[in-house]
C-alpha atoms as a PDB file:
ATOM      1  CA  MET A   1       8.061 -32.001  50.436  1.00  0.00           C
ATOM      2  CA  ALA A   2       8.130 -31.396  46.599  1.00  0.00           C
ATOM      3  CA  ASN A   3       8.715 -34.212  44.455  1.00  0.00           C
ATOM      4  CA  LEU A   4      11.048 -33.874  41.517  1.00  0.00           C
ATOM      5  CA  ALA A   5       8.109 -35.415  39.177  1.00  0.00           C
ATOM      6  CA  THR A   6       5.757 -32.243  40.465  1.00  0.00           C
ATOM      7  CA  VAL A   7       8.550 -29.627  40.656  1.00  0.00           C
ATOM      8  CA  ARG A   8       8.275 -27.470  37.510  1.00  0.00           C
ATOM      9  CA  ILE A   9      11.168 -25.709  35.866  1.00  0.00           C
ATOM     10  CA  ILE A  10      10.909 -22.436  33.881  1.00  0.00           C
ATOM     11  CA  SER A  11      13.895 -20.967  32.312  1.00  0.00           C
ATOM     12  CA  PHE A  12      14.799 -17.694  30.623  1.00  0.00           C
ATOM     13  CA  SER A  13      17.332 -17.094  28.025  1.00  0.00           C
ATOM     14  CA  GLY A  14      18.246 -14.451  25.632  1.00  0.00           C
ATOM     15  CA  ILE A  15      21.034 -11.930  24.623  1.00  0.00           C
ATOM     16  CA  ASP A  16      22.243  -9.586  27.138  1.00  0.00           C
ATOM     17  CA  GLY A  17      19.914  -6.395  27.629  1.00  0.00           C
ATOM     18  CA  ALA A  18      16.745  -8.360  26.332  1.00  0.00           C
ATOM     19  CA  GLY A  19      14.817  -7.695  29.074  1.00  0.00           C
ATOM     20  CA  LYS A  20      14.901 -11.141  31.144  1.00  0.00           C
ATOM     21  CA  SER A  21      14.967  -9.724  34.662  1.00  0.00           C
ATOM     22  CA  THR A  22      11.819  -7.457  34.035  1.00  0.00           C
ATOM     23  CA  GLN A  23       9.737 -10.725  32.737  1.00  0.00           C
ATOM     24  CA  ILE A  24      11.238 -13.090  35.381  1.00  0.00           C
ATOM     25  CA  ALA A  25       9.950 -10.470  37.875  1.00  0.00           C
ATOM     26  CA  ALA A  26       6.649 -10.448  36.522  1.00  0.00           C
ATOM     27  CA  LEU A  27       6.416 -14.266  36.249  1.00  0.00           C
ATOM     28  CA  LYS A  28       7.308 -14.848  39.999  1.00  0.00           C
ATOM     29  CA  SER A  29       4.640 -12.378  40.863  1.00  0.00           C
ATOM     30  CA  SER A  30       1.930 -14.233  39.238  1.00  0.00           C
ATOM     31  CA  LEU A  31       3.182 -17.373  40.753  1.00  0.00           C
ATOM     32  CA  ARG A  32       3.428 -15.843  43.901  1.00  0.00           C
ATOM     33  CA  GLU A  33       0.003 -14.689  43.772  1.00  0.00           C
ATOM     34  CA  ALA A  34      -1.215 -18.056  42.595  1.00  0.00           C
ATOM     35  CA  GLY A  35       0.086 -19.713  46.011  1.00  0.00           C
ATOM     36  CA  PHE A  36       2.866 -21.324  44.226  1.00  0.00           C
ATOM     37  CA  ARG A  37       6.445 -21.870  46.492  1.00  0.00           C
ATOM     38  CA  ILE A  38       9.209 -20.474  44.147  1.00  0.00           C
ATOM     39  CA  ALA A  39      13.190 -21.264  44.295  1.00  0.00           C
ATOM     40  CA  SER A  40      15.367 -18.977  42.190  1.00  0.00           C
ATOM     41  CA  LEU A  41      18.612 -20.061  40.378  1.00  0.00           C
ATOM     42  CA  GLU A  42      21.079 -18.019  38.715  1.00  0.00           C
ATOM     43  CA  PHE A  43      22.890 -20.535  36.064  1.00  0.00           C
ATOM     44  CA  TRP A  44      26.102 -18.678  36.220  1.00  0.00           C
ATOM     45  CA  ASP A  45      26.386 -18.426  40.200  1.00  0.00           C
ATOM     46  CA  ASP A  46      24.392 -22.042  41.007  1.00  0.00           C
ATOM     47  CA  VAL A  47      25.220 -24.318  38.253  1.00  0.00           C
ATOM     48  CA  VAL A  48      28.318 -23.342  35.995  1.00  0.00           C
ATOM     49  CA  VAL A  49      31.324 -25.338  37.023  1.00  0.00           C
ATOM     50  CA  LEU A  50      34.382 -23.055  38.131  1.00  0.00           C
ATOM     51  CA  ALA A  51      32.350 -20.101  37.055  1.00  0.00           C
ATOM     52  CA  ARG A  52      35.012 -17.818  39.052  1.00  0.00           C
ATOM     53  CA  PHE A  53      37.955 -19.393  37.808  1.00  0.00           C
ATOM     54  CA  ARG A  54      36.653 -19.368  34.428  1.00  0.00           C
ATOM     55  CA  GLU A  55      35.931 -15.777  34.739  1.00  0.00           C
ATOM     56  CA  PHE A  56      39.187 -14.956  35.954  1.00  0.00           C
ATOM     57  CA  MET A  57      41.312 -16.897  33.207  1.00  0.00           C
ATOM     58  CA  SER A  58      38.886 -15.214  30.651  1.00  0.00           C
ATOM     59  CA  HIS A  59      39.794 -11.737  31.919  1.00  0.00           C
ATOM     60  CA  LYS A  60      43.346 -12.677  32.180  1.00  0.00           C
ATOM     61  CA  ALA A  61      43.533 -14.119  28.601  1.00  0.00           C
ATOM     62  CA  PHE A  62      41.198 -11.435  26.716  1.00  0.00           C
ATOM     63  CA  GLY A  63      41.456  -8.621  28.825  1.00  0.00           C
ATOM     64  CA  GLY A  64      38.199  -6.366  28.489  1.00  0.00           C
ATOM     65  CA  ASP A  65      36.237  -4.922  31.291  1.00  0.00           C
ATOM     66  CA  ARG A  66      34.318  -6.537  34.242  1.00  0.00           C
ATOM     67  CA  GLY A  67      30.956  -5.704  35.728  1.00  0.00           C
ATOM     68  CA  ILE A  68      27.730  -4.814  34.186  1.00  0.00           C
ATOM     69  CA  GLY A  69      27.065  -2.220  31.592  1.00  0.00           C
ATOM     70  CA  THR A  70      24.750   0.543  32.003  1.00  0.00           C
ATOM     71  CA  PRO A  71      23.821   3.386  29.564  1.00  0.00           C
ATOM     72  CA  ALA A  72      25.746   5.780  32.090  1.00  0.00           C
ATOM     73  CA  LYS A  73      28.654   3.630  32.104  1.00  0.00           C
ATOM     74  CA  PRO A  74      29.290   1.417  29.140  1.00  0.00           C
ATOM     75  CA  LEU A  75      31.557  -1.662  29.049  1.00  0.00           C
ATOM     76  CA  ASN A  76      33.806  -3.224  26.728  1.00  0.00           C
ATOM     77  CA  ARG A  77      33.605  -6.952  27.613  1.00  0.00           C
ATOM     78  CA  CYS A  78      35.654  -9.859  26.102  1.00  0.00           C
ATOM     79  CA  ASP A  79      34.767 -13.340  26.608  1.00  0.00           C
ATOM     80  CA  LYS A  80      31.775 -15.089  24.955  1.00  0.00           C
ATOM     81  CA  ASN A  81      32.167 -12.965  22.273  1.00  0.00           C
ATOM     82  CA  VAL A  82      35.693 -14.363  21.556  1.00  0.00           C
ATOM     83  CA  THR A  83      35.154 -16.992  19.066  1.00  0.00           C
ATOM     84  CA  SER A  84      38.659 -18.537  17.951  1.00  0.00           C
ATOM     85  CA  TRP A  85      38.901 -22.181  17.480  1.00  0.00           C
ATOM     86  CA  PRO A  86      41.061 -22.742  21.003  1.00  0.00           C
ATOM     87  CA  VAL A  87      38.351 -20.987  22.676  1.00  0.00           C
ATOM     88  CA  THR A  88      35.497 -22.896  20.972  1.00  0.00           C
ATOM     89  CA  LEU A  89      37.308 -26.193  21.752  1.00  0.00           C
ATOM     90  CA  MET A  90      37.301 -25.356  25.553  1.00  0.00           C
ATOM     91  CA  ARG A  91      33.617 -24.290  25.747  1.00  0.00           C
ATOM     92  CA  PHE A  92      32.774 -27.899  24.212  1.00  0.00           C
ATOM     93  CA  PHE A  93      34.298 -29.399  27.176  1.00  0.00           C
ATOM     94  CA  PHE A  94      33.350 -26.849  29.842  1.00  0.00           C
ATOM     95  CA  TYR A  95      29.389 -27.084  28.562  1.00  0.00           C
ATOM     96  CA  LEU A  96      29.672 -30.754  28.792  1.00  0.00           C
ATOM     97  CA  ALA A  97      30.599 -30.443  32.674  1.00  0.00           C
ATOM     98  CA  ASP A  98      28.025 -27.465  32.973  1.00  0.00           C
ATOM     99  CA  SER A  99      25.213 -30.024  31.289  1.00  0.00           C
ATOM    100  CA  LEU A 100      26.113 -32.651  33.793  1.00  0.00           C
ATOM    101  CA  ASN A 101      26.138 -30.522  36.809  1.00  0.00           C
ATOM    102  CA  LEU A 102      22.938 -29.344  35.764  1.00  0.00           C
ATOM    103  CA  TRP A 103      21.462 -32.837  35.634  1.00  0.00           C
ATOM    104  CA  LEU A 104      22.654 -33.163  39.127  1.00  0.00           C
ATOM    105  CA  VAL A 105      21.520 -29.815  40.293  1.00  0.00           C
ATOM    106  CA  VAL A 106      17.864 -30.543  39.102  1.00  0.00           C
ATOM    107  CA  GLN A 107      17.889 -34.329  40.800  1.00  0.00           C
ATOM    108  CA  GLY A 108      18.926 -32.102  43.990  1.00  0.00           C
ATOM    109  CA  LEU A 109      15.593 -30.264  43.451  1.00  0.00           C
ATOM    110  CA  LYS A 110      13.875 -33.508  45.010  1.00  0.00           C
ATOM    111  CA  ARG A 111      15.023 -31.889  48.517  1.00  0.00           C
ATOM    112  CA  ASN A 112      13.758 -28.565  47.582  1.00  0.00           C
ATOM    113  CA  ASP A 113      10.263 -27.518  48.910  1.00  0.00           C
ATOM    114  CA  ALA A 114       9.363 -25.483  45.860  1.00  0.00           C
ATOM    115  CA  ASP A 115       6.521 -25.975  43.413  1.00  0.00           C
ATOM    116  CA  VAL A 116       8.409 -24.005  40.628  1.00  0.00           C
ATOM    117  CA  VAL A 117      12.153 -23.385  40.143  1.00  0.00           C
ATOM    118  CA  VAL A 118      12.854 -20.187  37.921  1.00  0.00           C
ATOM    119  CA  PHE A 119      16.031 -20.245  36.262  1.00  0.00           C
ATOM    120  CA  ASP A 120      17.682 -16.697  35.148  1.00  0.00           C
ATOM    121  CA  ARG A 121      19.495 -17.986  32.132  1.00  0.00           C
ATOM    122  CA  TYR A 122      20.049 -21.824  31.309  1.00  0.00           C
ATOM    123  CA  ILE A 123      22.486 -24.214  29.547  1.00  0.00           C
ATOM    124  CA  TYR A 124      20.848 -22.853  26.478  1.00  0.00           C
ATOM    125  CA  ASP A 125      22.556 -19.448  26.853  1.00  0.00           C
ATOM    126  CA  GLU A 126      25.952 -21.378  26.716  1.00  0.00           C
ATOM    127  CA  LEU A 127      24.871 -23.553  23.804  1.00  0.00           C
ATOM    128  CA  ALA A 128      24.068 -20.152  21.886  1.00  0.00           C
ATOM    129  CA  ASN A 129      27.848 -19.443  22.030  1.00  0.00           C
ATOM    130  CA  LEU A 130      28.512 -22.480  20.119  1.00  0.00           C
ATOM    131  CA  PRO A 131      29.332 -22.263  16.043  1.00  0.00           C
ATOM    132  CA  LEU A 132      25.783 -23.373  15.231  1.00  0.00           C
ATOM    133  CA  HIS A 133      26.490 -22.671  11.689  1.00  0.00           C
ATOM    134  CA  ARG A 134      28.878 -25.397  11.509  1.00  0.00           C
ATOM    135  CA  TRP A 135      27.982 -29.258  11.827  1.00  0.00           C
ATOM    136  CA  PRO A 136      30.333 -29.858  14.634  1.00  0.00           C
ATOM    137  CA  GLY A 137      28.515 -27.456  16.925  1.00  0.00           C
ATOM    138  CA  ARG A 138      25.029 -28.361  15.998  1.00  0.00           C
ATOM    139  CA  LEU A 139      26.140 -32.186  16.635  1.00  0.00           C
ATOM    140  CA  TRP A 140      27.623 -31.263  20.043  1.00  0.00           C
ATOM    141  CA  VAL A 141      24.255 -29.248  20.870  1.00  0.00           C
ATOM    142  CA  ARG A 142      22.310 -32.161  20.166  1.00  0.00           C
ATOM    143  CA  LEU A 143      24.118 -34.396  22.118  1.00  0.00           C
ATOM    144  CA  LEU A 144      23.970 -32.010  25.209  1.00  0.00           C
ATOM    145  CA  LEU A 145      20.300 -31.579  24.409  1.00  0.00           C
ATOM    146  CA  LYS A 146      19.822 -35.086  25.437  1.00  0.00           C
ATOM    147  CA  VAL A 147      21.441 -34.955  28.673  1.00  0.00           C
ATOM    148  CA  VAL A 148      20.009 -31.761  30.253  1.00  0.00           C
ATOM    149  CA  PRO A 149      16.310 -31.438  31.871  1.00  0.00           C
ATOM    150  CA  LYS A 150      13.950 -29.702  29.618  1.00  0.00           C
ATOM    151  CA  PRO A 151      12.074 -26.715  31.348  1.00  0.00           C
ATOM    152  CA  GLU A 152       8.500 -26.306  31.085  1.00  0.00           C
ATOM    153  CA  PRO A 153       8.576 -23.772  29.494  1.00  0.00           C
ATOM    154  CA  ALA A 154      11.866 -22.316  28.391  1.00  0.00           C
ATOM    155  CA  PHE A 155      11.274 -18.917  27.333  1.00  0.00           C
ATOM    156  CA  LEU A 156      13.758 -16.949  24.847  1.00  0.00           C
ATOM    157  CA  ILE A 157      12.995 -13.458  25.310  1.00  0.00           C
ATOM    158  CA  ASP A 158      13.926 -11.924  21.717  1.00  0.00           C
ATOM    159  CA  ALA A 159      15.029  -8.239  21.416  1.00  0.00           C
ATOM    160  CA  ASP A 160      16.294  -6.121  18.829  1.00  0.00           C
ATOM    161  CA  PRO A 161      20.099  -5.957  19.486  1.00  0.00           C
ATOM    162  CA  VAL A 162      20.195  -2.122  18.853  1.00  0.00           C
ATOM    163  CA  ALA A 163      17.619  -1.748  21.542  1.00  0.00           C
ATOM    164  CA  ALA A 164      19.179  -4.164  23.783  1.00  0.00           C
ATOM    165  CA  ARG A 165      22.628  -2.801  23.759  1.00  0.00           C
ATOM    166  CA  THR A 166      21.168   0.709  24.448  1.00  0.00           C
ATOM    167  CA  ARG A 167      20.003  -0.675  27.569  1.00  0.00           C
ATOM    168  CA  LYS A 168      22.833  -2.782  28.587  1.00  0.00           C
ATOM    169  CA  PRO A 169      26.155  -1.771  26.644  1.00  0.00           C
ATOM    170  CA  GLU A 170      28.801  -4.412  27.322  1.00  0.00           C
ATOM    171  CA  TYR A 171      29.029  -6.212  23.750  1.00  0.00           C
ATOM    172  CA  PRO A 172      29.761  -5.209  19.981  1.00  0.00           C
ATOM    173  CA  LEU A 173      26.754  -4.497  18.381  1.00  0.00           C
ATOM    174  CA  GLU A 174      27.703  -6.926  15.580  1.00  0.00           C
ATOM    175  CA  PHE A 175      28.303  -9.699  17.993  1.00  0.00           C
ATOM    176  CA  LEU A 176      24.614  -9.270  19.440  1.00  0.00           C
ATOM    177  CA  ARG A 177      23.166  -9.635  16.130  1.00  0.00           C
ATOM    178  CA  ARG A 178      25.096 -12.891  15.630  1.00  0.00           C
ATOM    179  CA  ASN A 179      24.224 -13.983  19.132  1.00  0.00           C
ATOM    180  CA  ARG A 180      20.545 -13.404  18.479  1.00  0.00           C
ATOM    181  CA  ASP A 181      20.602 -15.447  15.408  1.00  0.00           C
ATOM    182  CA  SER A 182      22.311 -18.414  17.350  1.00  0.00           C
ATOM    183  CA  TYR A 183      19.442 -18.141  20.141  1.00  0.00           C
ATOM    184  CA  LEU A 184      16.977 -18.279  17.359  1.00  0.00           C
ATOM    185  CA  ALA A 185      18.396 -21.039  15.320  1.00  0.00           C
ATOM    186  CA  LEU A 186      18.860 -22.789  18.914  1.00  0.00           C
ATOM    187  CA  SER A 187      15.040 -22.315  19.468  1.00  0.00           C
ATOM    188  CA  HIS A 188      14.197 -24.580  16.380  1.00  0.00           C
ATOM    189  CA  MET A 189      16.899 -27.189  17.656  1.00  0.00           C
ATOM    190  CA  ILE A 190      15.312 -27.251  20.858  1.00  0.00           C
ATOM    191  CA  GLY A 191      11.691 -27.435  19.859  1.00  0.00           C
ATOM    192  CA  ASN A 192       9.930 -26.461  22.942  1.00  0.00           C
ATOM    193  CA  MET A 193      11.177 -23.000  23.576  1.00  0.00           C
ATOM    194  CA  VAL A 194       8.605 -20.377  23.759  1.00  0.00           C
ATOM    195  CA  VAL A 195       9.957 -17.252  22.013  1.00  0.00           C
ATOM    196  CA  ILE A 196       8.721 -13.834  23.197  1.00  0.00           C
ATOM    197  CA  GLU A 197       9.139 -11.401  20.181  1.00  0.00           C
ATOM    198  CA  PRO A 198       9.932  -7.683  20.675  1.00  0.00           C
ATOM    199  CA  GLN A 199       6.867  -6.129  21.854  1.00  0.00           C
ATOM    200  CA  SER A 200       5.704  -3.967  24.680  1.00  0.00           C
ATOM    201  CA  ILE A 201       6.280  -5.253  28.176  1.00  0.00           C
ATOM    202  CA  GLU A 202       2.630  -5.756  29.027  1.00  0.00           C
ATOM    203  CA  SER A 203       1.996  -7.787  25.756  1.00  0.00           C
ATOM    204  CA  ALA A 204       5.179  -9.691  26.522  1.00  0.00           C
ATOM    205  CA  GLU A 205       3.917 -10.623  30.119  1.00  0.00           C
ATOM    206  CA  ALA A 206       0.562 -11.707  28.610  1.00  0.00           C
ATOM    207  CA  LYS A 207       2.024 -14.265  26.134  1.00  0.00           C
ATOM    208  CA  MET A 208       4.503 -15.253  29.070  1.00  0.00           C
ATOM    209  CA  ARG A 209       1.678 -16.044  31.332  1.00  0.00           C
ATOM    210  CA  ALA A 210      -0.645 -17.705  28.874  1.00  0.00           C
ATOM    211  CA  ALA A 211       2.218 -20.023  28.091  1.00  0.00           C
ATOM    212  CA  VAL A 212       2.734 -20.862  31.615  1.00  0.00           C
ATOM    213  CA  SER A 213      -1.107 -21.470  32.372  1.00  0.00           C
ATOM    214  CA  LEU A 214      -1.104 -24.295  29.870  1.00  0.00           C
ATOM    215  CA  ARG A 215       1.093 -26.002  32.505  1.00  0.00           C
ATOM    216  CA  LEU A 216       0.358 -24.219  35.806  1.00  0.00           C
ATOM    217  CA  PRO A 217      -3.158 -23.192  37.347  1.00  0.00           C
ATOM    218  CA  LEU A 218      -2.317 -19.415  37.740  1.00  0.00           C
ATOM    219  CA  THR A 219      -5.937 -18.390  38.539  1.00  0.00           C
ATOM    220  CA  GLN A 220      -6.071 -20.495  41.499  1.00  0.00           C
ATOM    221  CA  VAL A 221      -4.013 -21.224  44.803  1.00  0.00           C
ATOM    222  CA  SER A 222      -2.547 -24.626  44.800  1.00  0.00           C
ATOM    223  CA  THR A 223      -0.498 -24.559  48.252  1.00  0.00           C
ATOM    224  CA  PRO A 224      -0.179 -21.627  51.005  1.00  0.00           C
ATOM    225  CA  PRO A 225       2.386 -19.512  50.006  1.00  0.00           C
ATOM    226  CA  LEU A 226       5.883 -19.177  51.792  1.00  0.00           C
ATOM    227  CA  GLN A 227       6.684 -16.062  53.738  1.00  0.00           C
ATOM    228  CA  ALA A 228       9.867 -15.529  51.613  1.00  0.00           C
ATOM    229  CA  GLU A 229      10.949 -16.943  48.005  1.00  0.00           C
ATOM    230  CA  MET A 230      13.089 -19.968  48.686  1.00  0.00           C
ATOM    231  CA  ARG A 231      16.860 -20.060  46.789  1.00  0.00           C
ATOM    232  CA  GLN A 232      18.675 -23.168  46.284  1.00  0.00           C
END
């Protein structure tokens, strides 16, 4: 059974429409080929505290559309792009709860047979919603970063907001631009994030594999692969 000291955590973050799913699929394919046993976690479904309640209350309070936007069916979501101070204060509280629960989830990985756990989004995607241009937001982020486990590595899939919105039309372009700036500012605060700049899919995958290979031997089989990918 894998030990927490040997389980590798890899996370993917970025604005909506950045192309995280494509890069996650590519990395998991490389890991499986190298013989690593993989567990997949989605931050919203597997870590966030009271996720369905928060989604329901957000919809009741702010309206907006539900679901996932596509080029054929654009949406107008109203949740993380709401930046009033009462909402921001609630985020301070909920993100603390999510950070503590993330610590518990990672501790629970001791009971998982996986060698590598891949997170689709991470606490970083929530912290990017805080007002990092103000000192209370930056201070709160620094405090939470002391609590949460650090992935090795944490990927930030950067993207041009216009192209991202074309792929996934859910939020106003101006919000995506601000959100991208917050992610980049957060990457400097965290220090260990690997930023995958906007580029071709092949170039992005090459940079991602190079970053992972510094920590994992992607060119050699470490353990017999499982018949099916595990899920926490």
